[in-house]
Amino acid sequence: MMIIQEEFKMSTVNTNTIELQILFEEDKNEGNFSAYIPAIRLGAMGDTLEEARKNAMDLVEIQLQTARTNGDDLPRDTAIIETIRFDLIGS
């Protein structure tokens, strides 16, 4: 599996911007990509990386619009992404 970490900037209605991390993962067995957006705790999928990215961005747009409509706070990206090294034990 290939994991791709990206950040994207999105303009909001009042010309402010919001930056959210999206974690993309390729599933070679299934032949698709998944995208996880930690700030909204939702994910999207697509047959290609580009489709997964578009679907994730559409999902974020819906969540932002819902938050604005309901008067809720906009999501904040508080994800901590780490790379941890493991020793391989064996022969």
N, C-alpha and C. Protein backbone atom coordinates (compact mmCIF):
# COMPACT_ATOMS: atom_id res chain seq x y z
N MET A 1 0.83 -1.19 0.00
CA MET A 1 0.00 0.00 0.00
C MET A 1 0.87 1.24 0.00
N MET A 2 0.45 2.23 -0.74
CA MET A 2 1.16 3.50 -0.77
C MET A 2 0.32 4.52 0.00
N ILE A 3 0.96 5.25 0.90
CA ILE A 3 0.27 6.29 1.65
C ILE A 3 0.81 7.64 1.21
N ILE A 4 -0.09 8.54 0.92
CA ILE A 4 0.27 9.88 0.45
C ILE A 4 -0.34 10.88 1.41
N GLN A 5 0.47 11.76 1.97
CA GLN A 5 -0.05 12.78 2.87
C GLN A 5 -0.03 14.10 2.12
N GLU A 6 -1.16 14.79 2.14
CA GLU A 6 -1.25 16.08 1.47
C GLU A 6 -1.96 17.07 2.35
N GLU A 7 -1.68 18.32 2.13
CA GLU A 7 -2.45 19.38 2.74
C GLU A 7 -3.04 20.19 1.60
N PHE A 8 -4.23 20.71 1.80
CA PHE A 8 -4.79 21.57 0.77
C PHE A 8 -5.38 22.80 1.42
N LYS A 9 -5.43 23.86 0.64
CA LYS A 9 -6.01 25.12 1.10
C LYS A 9 -7.33 25.30 0.39
N MET A 10 -8.31 25.74 1.12
CA MET A 10 -9.63 25.92 0.54
C MET A 10 -10.13 27.31 0.89
N SER A 11 -10.58 28.05 -0.09
CA SER A 11 -11.15 29.37 0.16
C SER A 11 -12.55 29.22 0.72
N THR A 12 -12.88 30.03 1.70
CA THR A 12 -14.23 30.03 2.24
C THR A 12 -14.94 31.25 1.68
N VAL A 13 -16.23 31.36 1.95
CA VAL A 13 -17.05 32.42 1.37
C VAL A 13 -16.50 33.80 1.67
N ASN A 14 -15.99 34.03 2.87
CA ASN A 14 -15.51 35.35 3.23
C ASN A 14 -14.03 35.54 2.89
N THR A 15 -13.52 34.80 1.96
CA THR A 15 -12.16 34.85 1.43
C THR A 15 -11.09 34.46 2.43
N ASN A 16 -11.45 34.01 3.62
CA ASN A 16 -10.46 33.42 4.51
C ASN A 16 -10.11 32.05 3.95
N THR A 17 -9.09 31.48 4.48
CA THR A 17 -8.72 30.13 4.04
C THR A 17 -8.70 29.19 5.24
N ILE A 18 -8.82 27.94 4.93
CA ILE A 18 -8.70 26.89 5.93
C ILE A 18 -7.77 25.84 5.34
N GLU A 19 -6.88 25.32 6.15
CA GLU A 19 -5.96 24.27 5.71
C GLU A 19 -6.28 23.02 6.50
N LEU A 20 -6.49 21.93 5.79
CA LEU A 20 -6.79 20.65 6.42
C LEU A 20 -5.89 19.59 5.84
N GLN A 21 -5.46 18.67 6.68
CA GLN A 21 -4.65 17.55 6.20
C GLN A 21 -5.58 16.46 5.69
N ILE A 22 -5.14 15.81 4.62
CA ILE A 22 -5.84 14.65 4.10
C ILE A 22 -4.81 13.54 3.93
N LEU A 23 -5.13 12.38 4.43
CA LEU A 23 -4.26 11.22 4.28
C LEU A 23 -4.85 10.34 3.17
N PHE A 24 -4.07 10.11 2.13
CA PHE A 24 -4.50 9.26 1.02
C PHE A 24 -3.77 7.93 1.12
N GLU A 25 -4.50 6.87 0.83
CA GLU A 25 -3.91 5.54 0.86
C GLU A 25 -4.36 4.77 -0.37
N GLU A 26 -3.39 4.19 -1.06
CA GLU A 26 -3.71 3.38 -2.22
C GLU A 26 -3.88 1.93 -1.79
N ASP A 27 -4.95 1.31 -2.21
CA ASP A 27 -5.18 -0.10 -1.94
C ASP A 27 -5.03 -0.85 -3.27
N LYS A 28 -3.86 -1.43 -3.46
CA LYS A 28 -3.58 -2.11 -4.73
C LYS A 28 -4.45 -3.34 -4.91
N ASN A 29 -4.82 -3.99 -3.81
CA ASN A 29 -5.68 -5.17 -3.92
C ASN A 29 -7.08 -4.81 -4.42
N GLU A 30 -7.62 -3.71 -3.93
CA GLU A 30 -8.96 -3.28 -4.33
C GLU A 30 -8.93 -2.38 -5.57
N GLY A 31 -7.75 -1.84 -5.88
CA GLY A 31 -7.61 -0.99 -7.07
C GLY A 31 -8.24 0.38 -6.90
N ASN A 32 -8.14 0.94 -5.67
CA ASN A 32 -8.72 2.26 -5.45
C ASN A 32 -7.89 3.03 -4.43
N PHE A 33 -8.33 4.24 -4.13
CA PHE A 33 -7.66 5.09 -3.15
C PHE A 33 -8.69 5.52 -2.11
N SER A 34 -8.25 5.63 -0.88
CA SER A 34 -9.10 6.18 0.16
C SER A 34 -8.45 7.46 0.67
N ALA A 35 -9.29 8.35 1.14
CA ALA A 35 -8.84 9.64 1.67
C ALA A 35 -9.48 9.81 3.05
N TYR A 36 -8.68 10.16 4.04
CA TYR A 36 -9.21 10.40 5.38
C TYR A 36 -8.90 11.83 5.78
N ILE A 37 -9.92 12.54 6.27
CA ILE A 37 -9.78 13.93 6.70
C ILE A 37 -9.95 13.95 8.21
N PRO A 38 -8.85 13.97 8.98
CA PRO A 38 -8.95 13.91 10.44
C PRO A 38 -9.79 15.02 11.07
N ALA A 39 -9.74 16.22 10.52
CA ALA A 39 -10.45 17.35 11.13
C ALA A 39 -11.95 17.16 11.18
N ILE A 40 -12.49 16.41 10.21
CA ILE A 40 -13.94 16.16 10.21
C ILE A 40 -14.26 14.69 10.48
N ARG A 41 -13.21 13.91 10.65
CA ARG A 41 -13.34 12.48 10.97
C ARG A 41 -14.20 11.72 9.97
N LEU A 42 -14.00 12.05 8.71
CA LEU A 42 -14.70 11.38 7.64
C LEU A 42 -13.72 11.01 6.53
N GLY A 43 -14.13 10.09 5.70
CA GLY A 43 -13.29 9.68 4.60
C GLY A 43 -14.06 9.57 3.31
N ALA A 44 -13.31 9.47 2.23
CA ALA A 44 -13.88 9.35 0.90
C ALA A 44 -13.03 8.36 0.12
N MET A 45 -13.57 7.89 -0.99
CA MET A 45 -12.84 6.95 -1.82
C MET A 45 -12.92 7.38 -3.28
N GLY A 46 -12.05 6.80 -4.08
CA GLY A 46 -12.09 7.03 -5.52
C GLY A 46 -11.29 5.97 -6.24
N ASP A 47 -11.58 5.79 -7.51
CA ASP A 47 -10.84 4.81 -8.30
C ASP A 47 -9.42 5.27 -8.57
N THR A 48 -9.19 6.59 -8.56
CA THR A 48 -7.86 7.16 -8.77
C THR A 48 -7.57 8.13 -7.62
N LEU A 49 -6.31 8.51 -7.51
CA LEU A 49 -5.93 9.50 -6.50
C LEU A 49 -6.68 10.80 -6.74
N GLU A 50 -6.78 11.21 -7.99
CA GLU A 50 -7.46 12.45 -8.32
C GLU A 50 -8.94 12.39 -7.93
N GLU A 51 -9.59 11.25 -8.17
CA GLU A 51 -11.00 11.11 -7.81
C GLU A 51 -11.18 11.10 -6.29
N ALA A 52 -10.29 10.43 -5.58
CA ALA A 52 -10.35 10.43 -4.11
C ALA A 52 -10.16 11.85 -3.58
N ARG A 53 -9.23 12.60 -4.17
CA ARG A 53 -8.99 13.99 -3.76
C ARG A 53 -10.24 14.84 -3.99
N LYS A 54 -10.84 14.71 -5.18
CA LYS A 54 -12.04 15.49 -5.49
C LYS A 54 -13.17 15.12 -4.54
N ASN A 55 -13.37 13.84 -4.30
CA ASN A 55 -14.43 13.40 -3.39
C ASN A 55 -14.20 13.90 -1.97
N ALA A 56 -12.94 13.91 -1.53
CA ALA A 56 -12.61 14.42 -0.20
C ALA A 56 -12.89 15.92 -0.12
N MET A 57 -12.50 16.64 -1.16
CA MET A 57 -12.72 18.08 -1.16
C MET A 57 -14.22 18.41 -1.21
N ASP A 58 -15.00 17.63 -1.97
CA ASP A 58 -16.45 17.81 -2.00
C ASP A 58 -17.03 17.56 -0.60
N LEU A 59 -16.55 16.54 0.06
CA LEU A 59 -17.02 16.22 1.41
C LEU A 59 -16.72 17.34 2.38
N VAL A 60 -15.51 17.90 2.29
CA VAL A 60 -15.15 19.03 3.16
C VAL A 60 -16.05 20.22 2.87
N GLU A 61 -16.29 20.50 1.60
CA GLU A 61 -17.18 21.63 1.24
C GLU A 61 -18.56 21.46 1.87
N ILE A 62 -19.09 20.24 1.81
CA ILE A 62 -20.41 19.97 2.41
C ILE A 62 -20.35 20.20 3.92
N GLN A 63 -19.30 19.73 4.56
CA GLN A 63 -19.17 19.90 6.01
C GLN A 63 -19.03 21.37 6.38
N LEU A 64 -18.27 22.13 5.58
CA LEU A 64 -18.11 23.56 5.85
C LEU A 64 -19.44 24.29 5.69
N GLN A 65 -20.18 23.97 4.64
CA GLN A 65 -21.47 24.60 4.41
C GLN A 65 -22.45 24.26 5.54
N THR A 66 -22.45 23.01 5.97
CA THR A 66 -23.32 22.59 7.07
C THR A 66 -22.96 23.34 8.35
N ALA A 67 -21.67 23.47 8.62
CA ALA A 67 -21.23 24.19 9.82
C ALA A 67 -21.68 25.65 9.76
N ARG A 68 -21.53 26.28 8.59
CA ARG A 68 -21.96 27.67 8.44
C ARG A 68 -23.48 27.80 8.63
N THR A 69 -24.22 26.91 8.01
CA THR A 69 -25.68 26.95 8.09
C THR A 69 -26.17 26.77 9.52
N ASN A 70 -25.53 25.86 10.25
CA ASN A 70 -25.94 25.57 11.62
C ASN A 70 -25.31 26.50 12.66
N GLY A 71 -24.40 27.36 12.21
CA GLY A 71 -23.71 28.25 13.14
C GLY A 71 -22.66 27.54 13.98
N ASP A 72 -22.21 26.38 13.50
CA ASP A 72 -21.19 25.62 14.22
C ASP A 72 -19.80 26.16 13.91
N ASP A 73 -18.85 25.83 14.77
CA ASP A 73 -17.47 26.19 14.52
C ASP A 73 -16.97 25.43 13.30
N LEU A 74 -16.09 26.06 12.54
CA LEU A 74 -15.45 25.38 11.41
C LEU A 74 -14.46 24.36 11.96
N PRO A 75 -14.22 23.29 11.22
CA PRO A 75 -13.28 22.28 11.71
C PRO A 75 -11.88 22.86 11.83
N ARG A 76 -11.16 22.36 12.82
CA ARG A 76 -9.75 22.73 13.02
C ARG A 76 -8.92 21.48 12.86
N ASP A 77 -7.81 21.63 12.19
CA ASP A 77 -6.92 20.49 11.97
C ASP A 77 -6.01 20.33 13.16
N THR A 78 -6.27 19.34 13.97
CA THR A 78 -5.45 19.09 15.16
C THR A 78 -4.76 17.74 15.08
N ALA A 79 -4.76 17.13 13.90
CA ALA A 79 -4.17 15.80 13.73
C ALA A 79 -2.67 15.85 13.97
N ILE A 80 -2.18 14.81 14.56
CA ILE A 80 -0.74 14.62 14.73
C ILE A 80 -0.37 13.39 13.91
N ILE A 81 0.46 13.58 12.94
CA ILE A 81 0.88 12.48 12.09
C ILE A 81 2.35 12.21 12.37
N GLU A 82 2.64 10.99 12.74
CA GLU A 82 4.01 10.60 13.07
C GLU A 82 4.44 9.42 12.22
N THR A 83 5.72 9.33 12.01
CA THR A 83 6.30 8.13 11.43
C THR A 83 7.09 7.45 12.55
N ILE A 84 6.76 6.21 12.80
CA ILE A 84 7.40 5.47 13.88
C ILE A 84 8.18 4.32 13.26
N ARG A 85 9.43 4.15 13.68
CA ARG A 85 10.29 3.09 13.15
C ARG A 85 10.16 1.88 14.06
N PHE A 86 10.04 0.70 13.44
CA PHE A 86 9.97 -0.55 14.16
C PHE A 86 11.14 -1.41 13.72
N ASP A 87 11.76 -2.07 14.67
CA ASP A 87 12.82 -3.02 14.34
C ASP A 87 12.18 -4.32 13.90
N LEU A 88 12.70 -4.88 12.84
CA LEU A 88 12.23 -6.17 12.36
C LEU A 88 13.03 -7.26 13.03
N ILE A 89 12.33 -8.14 13.71
CA ILE A 89 12.99 -9.22 14.42
C ILE A 89 12.76 -10.50 13.63
N GLY A 90 13.78 -11.26 13.47
CA GLY A 90 13.63 -12.51 12.74
C GLY A 90 14.94 -12.99 12.19
N SER A 91 14.86 -13.80 11.20
CA SER A 91 16.05 -14.44 10.63
C SER A 91 16.93 -13.53 9.95
